[in-house]
C-alpha cells in the first residue's frame, strides 16, 4: 500500500469516516480496505468509484 493511501485510510478510520475506494488505489489497497470493514451492529458505508465497481464486478464474475 502506498504511503498516501496508508495515511488516508488511517485518518478516515480515526475519524470514523467512510472509506472511499477509488481507481487510484492498487488491488492490494482495495483488498486491505475491504478486509478492514467491521460489521458489529453498526452499519458501515464504503464509497466506490465506477472503475473500482467495474473491477469488483468483473472479478466476481470470473470467480462464478
Protein backbone atom coordinates (compact mmCIF):
# COMPACT_ATOMS: atom_id res chain seq x y z
CA UNK A 1 0.00 0.00 0.00
CA UNK A 2 1.34 3.40 -0.88
CA UNK A 3 2.17 5.85 1.90
CA UNK A 4 -0.55 8.29 0.85
CA UNK A 5 -3.15 5.52 0.85
CA UNK A 6 -1.99 4.30 4.25
CA UNK A 7 -2.21 7.84 5.68
CA UNK A 8 -5.64 8.40 4.16
CA UNK A 9 -7.02 5.10 5.41
CA UNK A 10 -5.63 5.66 8.90
CA UNK A 11 -7.13 9.15 9.00
CA UNK A 12 -10.59 8.01 7.86
CA UNK A 13 -10.57 5.19 10.40
CA UNK A 14 -9.57 7.55 13.21
CA UNK A 15 -12.37 9.95 12.29
CA UNK A 16 -14.83 7.10 11.71
CA UNK A 17 -15.44 8.46 8.21
CA UNK A 18 -16.46 6.22 5.34
CA UNK A 19 -13.57 4.93 3.29
CA UNK A 20 -13.61 5.88 -0.36
CA UNK A 21 -12.24 3.18 -2.60
CA UNK A 22 -11.17 4.65 -5.92
CA UNK A 23 -9.24 3.86 -9.07
CA UNK A 24 -6.04 5.40 -7.69
CA UNK A 25 -5.72 2.53 -5.21
CA UNK A 26 -3.85 -0.65 -6.04
CA UNK A 27 -5.57 -4.03 -5.91
CA UNK A 28 -3.82 -4.58 -2.59
CA UNK A 29 -5.16 -1.27 -1.25
CA UNK A 30 -8.70 -2.25 -2.22
CA UNK A 31 -8.34 -5.68 -0.63
CA UNK A 32 -6.94 -4.14 2.57
CA UNK A 33 -9.80 -1.61 2.77
CA UNK A 34 -12.39 -4.35 2.32
CA UNK A 35 -10.68 -6.55 4.90
CA UNK A 36 -10.84 -3.74 7.45
CA UNK A 37 -14.63 -3.43 7.23
CA UNK A 38 -16.23 -4.10 10.60
CA UNK A 39 -19.76 -5.45 10.97
CA UNK A 40 -20.51 -5.13 14.67
CA UNK A 41 -24.06 -3.89 14.84
CA UNK A 42 -23.33 -0.50 13.30
CA UNK A 43 -23.70 -0.20 9.52
CA UNK A 44 -20.64 0.94 7.59
CA UNK A 45 -20.62 2.91 4.37
CA UNK A 46 -17.98 2.40 1.72
CA UNK A 47 -17.91 4.55 -1.37
CA UNK A 48 -16.64 3.10 -4.63
CA UNK A 49 -15.95 4.95 -7.80
CA UNK A 50 -17.12 3.46 -11.10
CA UNK A 51 -13.78 1.87 -12.15
CA UNK A 52 -13.49 0.07 -8.80
CA UNK A 53 -17.09 -1.12 -9.00
CA UNK A 54 -16.42 -2.45 -12.51
CA UNK A 55 -13.22 -4.14 -11.31
CA UNK A 56 -15.03 -5.89 -8.44
CA UNK A 57 -17.93 -6.96 -10.66
CA UNK A 58 -15.52 -8.37 -13.25
CA UNK A 59 -13.53 -10.20 -10.59
CA UNK A 60 -16.65 -11.74 -9.08
CA UNK A 61 -17.99 -12.76 -12.49
CA UNK A 62 -14.69 -14.51 -13.26
CA UNK A 63 -14.97 -16.48 -9.99
CA UNK A 64 -18.61 -17.52 -10.61
